[in-house]
């Protein structure tokens, strides 16, 4: 990659991020998409650092680790919440009816209550 390619590559990565529809995805998919797109930015900046005469690979690897930590901090709570939002399975009505069985609720047909 030449120094002249850095700007078009950054613009292409930005365009891909805008077209990805990350705002309509779940938290885990959004985090993964952002990590992938920002990874392209990191590569471009790593190449720029190399062209400036420094260690571009070290810069890129350090920045990717920091980026991953920042995305984990930003999306960690949302990802954990999304894991527990789903229905309970075959017993998904349990939330609205409580934890008692039908006999304890007095819903058994033919039961006589005094």
PDB file of N, CA and C in Angstrom:
ATOM      1  N   UNK A   1       0.854  -1.169   0.000  1.00  0.00           N
ATOM      2  CA  UNK A   1       0.000   0.000   0.000  1.00  0.00           C
ATOM      3  C   UNK A   1       0.903   1.236   0.000  1.00  0.00           C
ATOM      4  N   UNK A   2       0.579   2.165  -0.859  1.00  0.00           N
ATOM      5  CA  UNK A   2       1.347   3.402  -0.895  1.00  0.00           C
ATOM      6  C   UNK A   2       0.664   4.454  -0.033  1.00  0.00           C
ATOM      7  N   UNK A   3       1.370   5.508   0.226  1.00  0.00           N
ATOM      8  CA  UNK A   3       0.811   6.584   1.044  1.00  0.00           C
ATOM      9  C   UNK A   3      -0.376   7.257   0.342  1.00  0.00           C
ATOM     10  N   UNK A   4      -0.408   7.185  -0.988  1.00  0.00           N
ATOM     11  CA  UNK A   4      -1.532   7.751  -1.734  1.00  0.00           C
ATOM     12  C   UNK A   4      -2.796   6.906  -1.605  1.00  0.00           C
ATOM     13  N   UNK A   5      -2.649   5.645  -1.223  1.00  0.00           N
ATOM     14  CA  UNK A   5      -3.812   4.754  -1.082  1.00  0.00           C
ATOM     15  C   UNK A   5      -4.502   4.885   0.267  1.00  0.00           C
ATOM     16  N   UNK A   6      -3.862   5.514   1.234  1.00  0.00           N
ATOM     17  CA  UNK A   6      -4.409   5.559   2.588  1.00  0.00           C
ATOM     18  C   UNK A   6      -5.742   6.297   2.620  1.00  0.00           C
ATOM     19  N   UNK A   7      -5.816   7.471   2.030  1.00  0.00           N
ATOM     20  CA  UNK A   7      -7.059   8.238   2.078  1.00  0.00           C
ATOM     21  C   UNK A   7      -8.208   7.533   1.362  1.00  0.00           C
ATOM     22  N   UNK A   8      -8.018   7.024   0.122  1.00  0.00           N
ATOM     23  CA  UNK A   8      -9.133   6.287  -0.502  1.00  0.00           C
ATOM     24  C   UNK A   8      -9.558   5.057   0.294  1.00  0.00           C
ATOM     25  N   UNK A   9      -8.601   4.387   0.927  1.00  0.00           N
ATOM     26  CA  UNK A   9      -8.954   3.220   1.736  1.00  0.00           C
ATOM     27  C   UNK A   9      -9.761   3.615   2.969  1.00  0.00           C
ATOM     28  N   UNK A  10      -9.411   4.724   3.595  1.00  0.00           N
ATOM     29  CA  UNK A  10     -10.193   5.216   4.729  1.00  0.00           C
ATOM     30  C   UNK A  10     -11.603   5.603   4.297  1.00  0.00           C
ATOM     31  N   UNK A  11     -11.708   6.258   3.142  1.00  0.00           N
ATOM     32  CA  UNK A  11     -13.026   6.635   2.638  1.00  0.00           C
ATOM     33  C   UNK A  11     -13.857   5.402   2.297  1.00  0.00           C
ATOM     34  N   UNK A  12     -13.224   4.378   1.723  1.00  0.00           N
ATOM     35  CA  UNK A  12     -13.939   3.141   1.392  1.00  0.00           C
ATOM     36  C   UNK A  12     -14.410   2.429   2.660  1.00  0.00           C
ATOM     37  N   UNK A  13     -13.579   2.414   3.694  1.00  0.00           N
ATOM     38  CA  UNK A  13     -13.967   1.784   4.960  1.00  0.00           C
ATOM     39  C   UNK A  13     -15.112   2.549   5.624  1.00  0.00           C
ATOM     40  N   UNK A  14     -15.078   3.874   5.542  1.00  0.00           N
ATOM     41  CA  UNK A  14     -16.159   4.685   6.098  1.00  0.00           C
ATOM     42  C   UNK A  14     -17.462   4.427   5.359  1.00  0.00           C
ATOM     43  N   UNK A  15     -17.395   4.353   4.046  1.00  0.00           N
ATOM     44  CA  UNK A  15     -18.586   4.074   3.235  1.00  0.00           C
ATOM     45  C   UNK A  15     -19.146   2.688   3.555  1.00  0.00           C
ATOM     46  N   UNK A  16     -18.272   1.706   3.720  1.00  0.00           N
ATOM     47  CA  UNK A  16     -18.718   0.352   4.063  1.00  0.00           C
ATOM     48  C   UNK A  16     -19.391   0.327   5.427  1.00  0.00           C
ATOM     49  N   UNK A  17     -18.877   1.115   6.370  1.00  0.00           N
ATOM     50  CA  UNK A  17     -19.489   1.183   7.696  1.00  0.00           C
ATOM     51  C   UNK A  17     -20.877   1.796   7.613  1.00  0.00           C
ATOM     52  N   UNK A  18     -21.043   2.838   6.811  1.00  0.00           N
ATOM     53  CA  UNK A  18     -22.352   3.477   6.666  1.00  0.00           C
ATOM     54  C   UNK A  18     -23.357   2.547   5.997  1.00  0.00           C
ATOM     55  N   UNK A  19     -22.896   1.739   5.048  1.00  0.00           N
ATOM     56  CA  UNK A  19     -23.789   0.833   4.328  1.00  0.00           C
ATOM     57  C   UNK A  19     -24.066  -0.453   5.100  1.00  0.00           C
ATOM     58  N   UNK A  20     -23.317  -0.724   6.144  1.00  0.00           N
ATOM     59  CA  UNK A  20     -23.459  -1.984   6.866  1.00  0.00           C
ATOM     60  C   UNK A  20     -24.779  -2.087   7.618  1.00  0.00           C
ATOM     61  N   UNK A  21     -25.397  -0.955   7.934  1.00  0.00           N
ATOM     62  CA  UNK A  21     -26.650  -0.979   8.678  1.00  0.00           C
ATOM     63  C   UNK A  21     -26.455  -1.372  10.131  1.00  0.00           C
ATOM     64  N   UNK A  22     -25.322  -1.006  10.693  1.00  0.00           N
ATOM     65  CA  UNK A  22     -25.005  -1.399  12.072  1.00  0.00           C
ATOM     66  C   UNK A  22     -26.022  -0.862  13.071  1.00  0.00           C
ATOM     67  N   UNK A  23     -26.705   0.227  12.728  1.00  0.00           N
ATOM     68  CA  UNK A  23     -27.675   0.799  13.658  1.00  0.00           C
ATOM     69  C   UNK A  23     -28.934  -0.061  13.785  1.00  0.00           C
ATOM     70  N   UNK A  24     -29.143  -1.017  12.872  1.00  0.00           N
ATOM     71  CA  UNK A  24     -30.326  -1.877  12.923  1.00  0.00           C
ATOM     72  C   UNK A  24     -29.989  -3.299  13.356  1.00  0.00           C
ATOM     73  N   UNK A  25     -28.747  -3.557  13.741  1.00  0.00           N
ATOM     74  CA  UNK A  25     -28.317  -4.895  14.142  1.00  0.00           C
ATOM     75  C   UNK A  25     -28.428  -5.049  15.654  1.00  0.00           C
ATOM     76  N   UNK A  26     -28.271  -6.269  16.092  1.00  0.00           N
ATOM     77  CA  UNK A  26     -28.198  -6.534  17.521  1.00  0.00           C
ATOM     78  C   UNK A  26     -26.863  -6.056  18.069  1.00  0.00           C
ATOM     79  N   UNK A  27     -26.721  -6.019  19.381  1.00  0.00           N
ATOM     80  CA  UNK A  27     -25.492  -5.480  19.962  1.00  0.00           C
ATOM     81  C   UNK A  27     -24.234  -6.273  19.596  1.00  0.00           C
ATOM     82  N   UNK A  28     -24.308  -7.604  19.550  1.00  0.00           N
ATOM     83  CA  UNK A  28     -23.124  -8.403  19.230  1.00  0.00           C
ATOM     84  C   UNK A  28     -22.723  -8.195  17.768  1.00  0.00           C
ATOM     85  N   UNK A  29     -23.695  -8.188  16.861  1.00  0.00           N
ATOM     86  CA  UNK A  29     -23.387  -7.981  15.441  1.00  0.00           C
ATOM     87  C   UNK A  29     -22.846  -6.576  15.202  1.00  0.00           C
ATOM     88  N   UNK A  30     -23.392  -5.595  15.908  1.00  0.00           N
ATOM     89  CA  UNK A  30     -22.895  -4.227  15.780  1.00  0.00           C
ATOM     90  C   UNK A  30     -21.454  -4.133  16.267  1.00  0.00           C
ATOM     91  N   UNK A  31     -21.171  -4.751  17.392  1.00  0.00           N
ATOM     92  CA  UNK A  31     -19.803  -4.732  17.925  1.00  0.00           C
ATOM     93  C   UNK A  31     -18.832  -5.374  16.944  1.00  0.00           C
ATOM     94  N   UNK A  32     -19.211  -6.524  16.377  1.00  0.00           N
ATOM     95  CA  UNK A  32     -18.331  -7.212  15.431  1.00  0.00           C
ATOM     96  C   UNK A  32     -18.125  -6.404  14.155  1.00  0.00           C
ATOM     97  N   UNK A  33     -19.192  -5.761  13.666  1.00  0.00           N
ATOM     98  CA  UNK A  33     -19.080  -4.932  12.464  1.00  0.00           C
ATOM     99  C   UNK A  33     -18.172  -3.732  12.712  1.00  0.00           C
ATOM    100  N   UNK A  34     -18.333  -3.091  13.850  1.00  0.00           N
ATOM    101  CA  UNK A  34     -17.480  -1.951  14.176  1.00  0.00           C
ATOM    102  C   UNK A  34     -16.023  -2.371  14.329  1.00  0.00           C
ATOM    103  N   UNK A  35     -15.802  -3.515  14.940  1.00  0.00           N
ATOM    104  CA  UNK A  35     -14.423  -3.987  15.099  1.00  0.00           C
ATOM    105  C   UNK A  35     -13.792  -4.272  13.736  1.00  0.00           C
ATOM    106  N   UNK A  36     -14.572  -4.846  12.828  1.00  0.00           N
ATOM    107  CA  UNK A  36     -14.053  -5.126  11.493  1.00  0.00           C
ATOM    108  C   UNK A  36     -13.747  -3.837  10.730  1.00  0.00           C
ATOM    109  N   UNK A  37     -14.681  -2.894  10.755  1.00  0.00           N
ATOM    110  CA  UNK A  37     -14.476  -1.639  10.020  1.00  0.00           C
ATOM    111  C   UNK A  37     -13.363  -0.797  10.635  1.00  0.00           C
ATOM    112  N   UNK A  38     -13.338  -0.698  11.967  1.00  0.00           N
ATOM    113  CA  UNK A  38     -12.271   0.074  12.599  1.00  0.00           C
ATOM    114  C   UNK A  38     -10.926  -0.617  12.441  1.00  0.00           C
ATOM    115  N   UNK A  39     -10.948  -1.940  12.278  1.00  0.00           N
ATOM    116  CA  UNK A  39      -9.708  -2.660  12.000  1.00  0.00           C
ATOM    117  C   UNK A  39      -9.074  -2.195  10.701  1.00  0.00           C
ATOM    118  N   UNK A  40      -9.916  -1.864   9.711  1.00  0.00           N
ATOM    119  CA  UNK A  40      -9.404  -1.328   8.452  1.00  0.00           C
ATOM    120  C   UNK A  40      -8.780   0.044   8.666  1.00  0.00           C
ATOM    121  N   UNK A  41      -9.400   0.863   9.516  1.00  0.00           N
ATOM    122  CA  UNK A  41      -8.820   2.170   9.842  1.00  0.00           C
ATOM    123  C   UNK A  41      -7.459   1.998  10.512  1.00  0.00           C
ATOM    124  N   UNK A  42      -7.385   1.048  11.441  1.00  0.00           N
ATOM    125  CA  UNK A  42      -6.138   0.809  12.169  1.00  0.00           C
ATOM    126  C   UNK A  42      -5.037   0.384  11.205  1.00  0.00           C
ATOM    127  N   UNK A  43      -5.376  -0.477  10.248  1.00  0.00           N
ATOM    128  CA  UNK A  43      -4.384  -0.896   9.255  1.00  0.00           C
ATOM    129  C   UNK A  43      -3.879   0.296   8.455  1.00  0.00           C
ATOM    130  N   UNK A  44      -4.780   1.175   8.056  1.00  0.00           N
ATOM    131  CA  UNK A  44      -4.374   2.360   7.288  1.00  0.00           C
ATOM    132  C   UNK A  44      -3.462   3.257   8.116  1.00  0.00           C
ATOM    133  N   UNK A  45      -3.822   3.486   9.373  1.00  0.00           N
ATOM    134  CA  UNK A  45      -2.990   4.329  10.222  1.00  0.00           C
ATOM    135  C   UNK A  45      -1.655   3.655  10.538  1.00  0.00           C
ATOM    136  N   UNK A  46      -1.664   2.321  10.662  1.00  0.00           N
ATOM    137  CA  UNK A  46      -0.416   1.597  10.861  1.00  0.00           C
ATOM    138  C   UNK A  46       0.520   1.768   9.670  1.00  0.00           C
ATOM    139  N   UNK A  47      -0.054   1.734   8.465  1.00  0.00           N
ATOM    140  CA  UNK A  47       0.758   1.966   7.272  1.00  0.00           C
ATOM    141  C   UNK A  47       1.294   3.396   7.236  1.00  0.00           C
ATOM    142  N   UNK A  48       0.472   4.333   7.660  1.00  0.00           N
ATOM    143  CA  UNK A  48       0.911   5.731   7.688  1.00  0.00           C
ATOM    144  C   UNK A  48       2.054   5.910   8.686  1.00  0.00           C
ATOM    145  N   UNK A  49       1.942   5.289   9.850  1.00  0.00           N
ATOM    146  CA  UNK A  49       3.013   5.359  10.846  1.00  0.00           C
ATOM    147  C   UNK A  49       4.287   4.750  10.276  1.00  0.00           C
ATOM    148  N   UNK A  50       4.165   3.651   9.541  1.00  0.00           N
ATOM    149  CA  UNK A  50       5.332   3.021   8.925  1.00  0.00           C
ATOM    150  C   UNK A  50       5.973   3.963   7.903  1.00  0.00           C
ATOM    151  N   UNK A  51       5.130   4.645   7.097  1.00  0.00           N
ATOM    152  CA  UNK A  51       5.668   5.599   6.127  1.00  0.00           C
ATOM    153  C   UNK A  51       6.357   6.773   6.810  1.00  0.00           C
ATOM    154  N   UNK A  52       5.937   7.098   8.018  1.00  0.00           N
ATOM    155  CA  UNK A  52       6.574   8.182   8.767  1.00  0.00           C
ATOM    156  C   UNK A  52       7.878   7.734   9.430  1.00  0.00           C
ATOM    157  N   UNK A  53       8.209   6.450   9.310  1.00  0.00           N
ATOM    158  CA  UNK A  53       9.492   5.971   9.800  1.00  0.00           C
ATOM    159  C   UNK A  53       9.460   5.268  11.135  1.00  0.00           C
ATOM    160  N   UNK A  54       8.281   4.935  11.643  1.00  0.00           N
ATOM    161  CA  UNK A  54       8.192   4.264  12.941  1.00  0.00           C
ATOM    162  C   UNK A  54       7.653   2.839  12.758  1.00  0.00           C
ATOM    163  N   UNK A  55       7.391   2.163  13.862  1.00  0.00           N
ATOM    164  CA  UNK A  55       6.955   0.770  13.850  1.00  0.00           C
ATOM    165  C   UNK A  55       5.441   0.693  13.662  1.00  0.00           C
ATOM    166  N   UNK A  56       5.007   0.549  12.424  1.00  0.00           N
ATOM    167  CA  UNK A  56       3.580   0.514  12.117  1.00  0.00           C
ATOM    168  C   UNK A  56       2.882  -0.726  12.624  1.00  0.00           C
ATOM    169  N   UNK A  57       3.567  -1.875  12.605  1.00  0.00           N
ATOM    170  CA  UNK A  57       2.952  -3.119  13.077  1.00  0.00           C
ATOM    171  C   UNK A  57       2.692  -3.062  14.579  1.00  0.00           C
ATOM    172  N   UNK A  58       3.644  -2.531  15.336  1.00  0.00           N
ATOM    173  CA  UNK A  58       3.462  -2.398  16.775  1.00  0.00           C
ATOM    174  C   UNK A  58       2.316  -1.434  17.070  1.00  0.00           C
ATOM    175  N   UNK A  59       2.265  -0.327  16.337  1.00  0.00           N
ATOM    176  CA  UNK A  59       1.189   0.648  16.505  1.00  0.00           C
ATOM    177  C   UNK A  59      -0.162  -0.006  16.234  1.00  0.00           C
ATOM    178  N   UNK A  60      -0.268  -0.740  15.116  1.00  0.00           N
ATOM    179  CA  UNK A  60      -1.541  -1.360  14.740  1.00  0.00           C
ATOM    180  C   UNK A  60      -1.968  -2.418  15.754  1.00  0.00           C
ATOM    181  N   UNK A  61      -1.043  -3.265  16.203  1.00  0.00           N
ATOM    182  CA  UNK A  61      -1.424  -4.314  17.151  1.00  0.00           C
ATOM    183  C   UNK A  61      -1.836  -3.723  18.503  1.00  0.00           C
ATOM    184  N   UNK A  62      -1.155  -2.686  18.940  1.00  0.00           N
ATOM    185  CA  UNK A  62      -1.527  -2.033  20.203  1.00  0.00           C
ATOM    186  C   UNK A  62      -2.882  -1.357  20.096  1.00  0.00           C
ATOM    187  N   UNK A  63      -3.113  -0.701  18.971  1.00  0.00           N
ATOM    188  CA  UNK A  63      -4.384  -0.011  18.784  1.00  0.00           C
ATOM    189  C   UNK A  63      -5.540  -0.995  18.634  1.00  0.00           C
ATOM    190  N   UNK A  64      -5.314  -2.140  17.992  1.00  0.00           N
ATOM    191  CA  UNK A  64      -6.376  -3.143  17.863  1.00  0.00           C
ATOM    192  C   UNK A  64      -6.757  -3.705  19.223  1.00  0.00           C
ATOM    193  N   UNK A  65      -5.776  -3.934  20.085  1.00  0.00           N
ATOM    194  CA  UNK A  65      -6.083  -4.427  21.427  1.00  0.00           C
ATOM    195  C   UNK A  65      -6.892  -3.395  22.212  1.00  0.00           C
ATOM    196  N   UNK A  66      -6.504  -2.145  22.105  1.00  0.00           N
ATOM    197  CA  UNK A  66      -7.245  -1.074  22.788  1.00  0.00           C
ATOM    198  C   UNK A  66      -8.646  -0.932  22.214  1.00  0.00           C
ATOM    199  N   UNK A  67      -8.767  -1.061  20.904  1.00  0.00           N
ATOM    200  CA  UNK A  67     -10.069  -0.962  20.246  1.00  0.00           C
ATOM    201  C   UNK A  67     -10.989  -2.085  20.714  1.00  0.00           C
ATOM    202  N   UNK A  68     -10.474  -3.288  20.792  1.00  0.00           N
ATOM    203  CA  UNK A  68     -11.282  -4.412  21.246  1.00  0.00           C
ATOM    204  C   UNK A  68     -11.750  -4.210  22.685  1.00  0.00           C
ATOM    205  N   UNK A  69     -10.876  -3.726  23.542  1.00  0.00           N
ATOM    206  CA  UNK A  69     -11.258  -3.445  24.934  1.00  0.00           C
ATOM    207  C   UNK A  69     -12.322  -2.352  25.009  1.00  0.00           C
ATOM    208  N   UNK A  70     -12.166  -1.317  24.201  1.00  0.00           N
ATOM    209  CA  UNK A  70     -13.140  -0.223  24.208  1.00  0.00           C
ATOM    210  C   UNK A  70     -14.506  -0.699  23.713  1.00  0.00           C
ATOM    211  N   UNK A  71     -14.529  -1.537  22.683  1.00  0.00           N
ATOM    212  CA  UNK A  71     -15.801  -2.060  22.185  1.00  0.00           C
ATOM    213  C   UNK A  71     -16.443  -3.002  23.197  1.00  0.00           C
ATOM    214  N   UNK A  72     -15.631  -3.788  23.896  1.00  0.00           N
ATOM    215  CA  UNK A  72     -16.169  -4.649  24.945  1.00  0.00           C
ATOM    216  C   UNK A  72     -16.799  -3.819  26.059  1.00  0.00           C
ATOM    217  N   UNK A  73     -16.138  -2.731  26.437  1.00  0.00           N
ATOM    218  CA  UNK A  73     -16.692  -1.853  27.464  1.00  0.00           C
ATOM    219  C   UNK A  73     -17.985  -1.197  27.000  1.00  0.00           C
ATOM    220  N   UNK A  74     -18.010  -0.780  25.738  1.00  0.00           N
ATOM    221  CA  UNK A  74     -19.183  -0.066  25.220  1.00  0.00           C
ATOM    222  C   UNK A  74     -20.386  -0.979  25.018  1.00  0.00           C
ATOM    223  N   UNK A  75     -20.163  -2.196  24.529  1.00  0.00           N
ATOM    224  CA  UNK A  75     -21.276  -3.073  24.171  1.00  0.00           C
ATOM    225  C   UNK A  75     -21.472  -4.226  25.144  1.00  0.00           C
ATOM    226  N   UNK A  76     -20.621  -4.352  26.157  1.00  0.00           N
ATOM    227  CA  UNK A  76     -20.700  -5.490  27.065  1.00  0.00           C
ATOM    228  C   UNK A  76     -22.041  -5.626  27.755  1.00  0.00           C
ATOM    229  N   UNK A  77     -22.545  -4.553  28.333  1.00  0.00           N
ATOM    230  CA  UNK A  77     -23.815  -4.613  29.055  1.00  0.00           C
ATOM    231  C   UNK A  77     -24.976  -4.909  28.102  1.00  0.00           C
ATOM    232  N   UNK A  78     -24.970  -4.312  26.917  1.00  0.00           N
ATOM    233  CA  UNK A  78     -26.048  -4.550  25.947  1.00  0.00           C
ATOM    234  C   UNK A  78     -26.055  -5.991  25.470  1.00  0.00           C
ATOM    235  N   UNK A  79     -24.878  -6.562  25.266  1.00  0.00           N
ATOM    236  CA  UNK A  79     -24.793  -7.957  24.814  1.00  0.00           C
ATOM    237  C   UNK A  79     -25.310  -8.891  25.899  1.00  0.00           C
ATOM    238  N   UNK A  80     -24.956  -8.635  27.166  1.00  0.00           N
ATOM    239  CA  UNK A  80     -25.443  -9.478  28.261  1.00  0.00           C
ATOM    240  C   UNK A  80     -26.954  -9.369  28.410  1.00  0.00           C
ATOM    241  N   UNK A  81     -27.506  -8.168  28.267  1.00  0.00           N
ATOM    242  CA  UNK A  81     -28.954  -7.990  28.358  1.00  0.00           C
ATOM    243  C   UNK A  81     -29.661  -8.716  27.235  1.00  0.00           C
ATOM    244  N   UNK A  82     -29.122  -8.654  26.021  1.00  0.00           N
ATOM    245  CA  UNK A  82     -29.752  -9.309  24.877  1.00  0.00           C
ATOM    246  C   UNK A  82     -29.757 -10.822  25.036  1.00  0.00           C
ATOM    247  N   UNK A  83     -28.777 -11.381  25.731  1.00  0.00           N
ATOM    248  CA  UNK A  83     -28.739 -12.824  25.946  1.00  0.00           C
ATOM    249  C   UNK A  83     -29.871 -13.293  26.839  1.00  0.00           C
ATOM    250  N   UNK A  84     -30.344 -12.445  27.744  1.00  0.00           N
ATOM    251  CA  UNK A  84     -31.382 -12.848  28.684  1.00  0.00           C
ATOM    252  C   UNK A  84     -32.762 -12.318  28.338  1.00  0.00           C
ATOM    253  N   UNK A  85     -32.927 -11.648  27.201  1.00  0.00           N
ATOM    254  CA  UNK A  85     -34.223 -11.096  26.834  1.00  0.00           C
ATOM    255  C   UNK A  85     -35.152 -12.107  26.191  1.00  0.00           C
ATOM    256  N   UNK A  86     -34.628 -13.184  25.648  1.00  0.00           N
ATOM    257  CA  UNK A  86     -35.438 -14.147  24.908  1.00  0.00           C
ATOM    258  C   UNK A  86     -36.474 -14.816  25.787  1.00  0.00           C
ATOM    259  N   UNK A  87     -37.461 -15.462  25.167  1.00  0.00           N
ATOM    260  CA  UNK A  87     -38.477 -16.169  25.947  1.00  0.00           C
ATOM    261  C   UNK A  87     -37.864 -17.344  26.703  1.00  0.00           C
ATOM    262  N   UNK A  88     -38.566 -17.814  27.699  1.00  0.00           N
ATOM    263  CA  UNK A  88     -38.072 -18.873  28.555  1.00  0.00           C
ATOM    264  C   UNK A  88     -38.155 -20.228  27.850  1.00  0.00           C
ATOM    265  N   UNK A  89     -38.682 -20.296  26.675  1.00  0.00           N
ATOM    266  CA  UNK A  89     -38.797 -21.544  25.943  1.00  0.00           C
ATOM    267  C   UNK A  89     -40.246 -21.986  25.895  1.00  0.00           C
ATOM    268  N   UNK A  90     -40.493 -23.265  26.162  1.00  0.00           N
ATOM    269  CA  UNK A  90     -41.858 -23.784  26.105  1.00  0.00           C
ATOM    270  C   UNK A  90     -42.721 -23.193  27.209  1.00  0.00           C
ATOM    271  N   UNK A  91     -42.135 -22.635  28.202  1.00  0.00           N
ATOM    272  CA  UNK A  91     -42.873 -22.114  29.345  1.00  0.00           C
ATOM    273  C   UNK A  91     -42.834 -20.585  29.364  1.00  0.00           C
ATOM    274  N   UNK A  92     -42.933 -19.962  28.166  1.00  0.00           N
ATOM    275  CA  UNK A  92     -42.763 -18.517  28.085  1.00  0.00           C
ATOM    276  C   UNK A  92     -43.930 -17.733  28.684  1.00  0.00           C
ATOM    277  N   UNK A  93     -45.068 -18.381  28.946  1.00  0.00           N
ATOM    278  CA  UNK A  93     -46.192 -17.676  29.575  1.00  0.00           C
ATOM    279  C   UNK A  93     -46.001 -17.556  31.072  1.00  0.00           C
ATOM    280  N   UNK A  94     -44.979 -18.161  31.575  1.00  0.00           N
ATOM    281  CA  UNK A  94     -44.757 -18.151  33.011  1.00  0.00           C
ATOM    282  C   UNK A  94     -44.535 -16.745  33.539  1.00  0.00           C
ATOM    283  N   UNK A  95     -43.977 -15.858  32.729  1.00  0.00           N
ATOM    284  CA  UNK A  95     -43.749 -14.491  33.189  1.00  0.00           C
ATOM    285  C   UNK A  95     -45.052 -13.778  33.530  1.00  0.00           C
ATOM    286  N   UNK A  96     -46.078 -13.974  32.706  1.00  0.00           N
ATOM    287  CA  UNK A  96     -47.325 -13.247  32.941  1.00  0.00           C
ATOM    288  C   UNK A  96     -48.217 -13.950  33.956  1.00  0.00           C
ATOM    289  N   UNK A  97     -48.010 -15.241  34.190  1.00  0.00           N
ATOM    290  CA  UNK A  97     -48.891 -15.978  35.088  1.00  0.00           C
ATOM    291  C   UNK A  97     -48.246 -16.344  36.406  1.00  0.00           C
ATOM    292  N   UNK A  98     -47.030 -15.961  36.619  1.00  0.00           N
ATOM    293  CA  UNK A  98     -46.373 -16.267  37.868  1.00  0.00           C
ATOM    294  C   UNK A  98     -45.722 -17.631  37.851  1.00  0.00           C
ATOM    295  N   UNK A  99     -45.248 -18.052  39.002  1.00  0.00           N
ATOM    296  CA  UNK A  99     -44.511 -19.309  39.079  1.00  0.00           C
ATOM    297  C   UNK A  99     -45.332 -20.444  39.663  1.00  0.00           C
ATOM    298  N   UNK A 100     -46.566 -20.191  40.061  1.00  0.00           N
ATOM    299  CA  UNK A 100     -47.391 -21.248  40.640  1.00  0.00           C
ATOM    300  C   UNK A 100     -47.985 -22.115  39.540  1.00  0.00           C
ATOM    301  N   UNK A 101     -48.282 -23.362  39.878  1.00  0.00           N
ATOM    302  CA  UNK A 101     -48.937 -24.218  38.902  1.00  0.00           C
ATOM    303  C   UNK A 101     -50.436 -23.939  38.898  1.00  0.00           C
ATOM    304  N   UNK A 102     -51.152 -24.562  37.989  1.00  0.00           N
ATOM    305  CA  UNK A 102     -52.577 -24.276  37.816  1.00  0.00           C
ATOM    306  C   UNK A 102     -53.388 -24.598  39.072  1.00  0.00           C
ATOM    307  N   UNK A 103     -53.059 -25.671  39.772  1.00  0.00           N
ATOM    308  CA  UNK A 103     -53.815 -26.039  40.973  1.00  0.00           C
ATOM    309  C   UNK A 103     -53.637 -24.986  42.066  1.00  0.00           C
ATOM    310  N   UNK A 104     -52.445 -24.449  42.200  1.00  0.00           N
ATOM    311  CA  UNK A 104     -52.206 -23.432  43.218  1.00  0.00           C
ATOM    312  C   UNK A 104     -52.903 -22.124  42.874  1.00  0.00           C
ATOM    313  N   UNK A 105     -53.158 -21.887  41.605  1.00  0.00           N
ATOM    314  CA  UNK A 105     -53.835 -20.664  41.187  1.00  0.00           C
ATOM    315  C   UNK A 105     -55.356 -20.835  41.181  1.00  0.00           C
ATOM    316  N   UNK A 106     -55.810 -22.040  41.411  1.00  0.00           N
ATOM    317  CA  UNK A 106     -57.258 -22.275  41.403  1.00  0.00           C
ATOM    318  C   UNK A 106     -57.817 -22.325  39.991  1.00  0.00           C
ATOM    319  N   UNK A 107     -57.017 -22.716  39.028  1.00  0.00           N
ATOM    320  CA  UNK A 107     -57.467 -22.738  37.638  1.00  0.00           C
ATOM    321  C   UNK A 107     -57.832 -24.132  37.146  1.00  0.00           C
ATOM    322  N   UNK A 108     -57.798 -25.101  38.019  1.00  0.00           N
ATOM    323  CA  UNK A 108     -58.113 -26.466  37.605  1.00  0.00           C
ATOM    324  C   UNK A 108     -59.618 -26.574  37.414  1.00  0.00           C
ATOM    325  N   UNK A 109     -60.013 -27.080  36.238  1.00  0.00           N
ATOM    326  CA  UNK A 109     -61.465 -27.193  35.958  1.00  0.00           C
ATOM    327  C   UNK A 109     -62.087 -28.242  36.849  1.00  0.00           C
ATOM    328  N   UNK A 110     -63.273 -27.986  37.320  1.00  0.00           N
ATOM    329  CA  UNK A 110     -63.997 -28.919  38.152  1.00  0.00           C
ATOM    330  C   UNK A 110     -63.604 -28.850  39.618  1.00  0.00           C
ATOM    331  N   UNK A 111     -62.712 -27.989  39.966  1.00  0.00           N
ATOM    332  CA  UNK A 111     -62.311 -27.887  41.367  1.00  0.00           C
ATOM    333  C   UNK A 111     -63.366 -27.120  42.134  1.00  0.00           C
ATOM    334  N   UNK A 112     -63.678 -27.586  43.293  1.00  0.00           N
ATOM    335  CA  UNK A 112     -64.672 -26.943  44.130  1.00  0.00           C
ATOM    336  C   UNK A 112     -63.927 -26.145  45.192  1.00  0.00           C
ATOM    337  N   UNK A 113     -64.268 -24.865  45.262  1.00  0.00           N
ATOM    338  CA  UNK A 113     -63.624 -24.022  46.264  1.00  0.00           C
ATOM    339  C   UNK A 113     -64.667 -23.662  47.315  1.00  0.00           C
ATOM    340  N   UNK A 114     -64.329 -23.813  48.523  1.00  0.00           N
ATOM    341  CA  UNK A 114     -65.239 -23.490  49.630  1.00  0.00           C
ATOM    342  C   UNK A 114     -64.887 -22.205  50.264  1.00  0.00           C
TER     343      UNK A 114
END
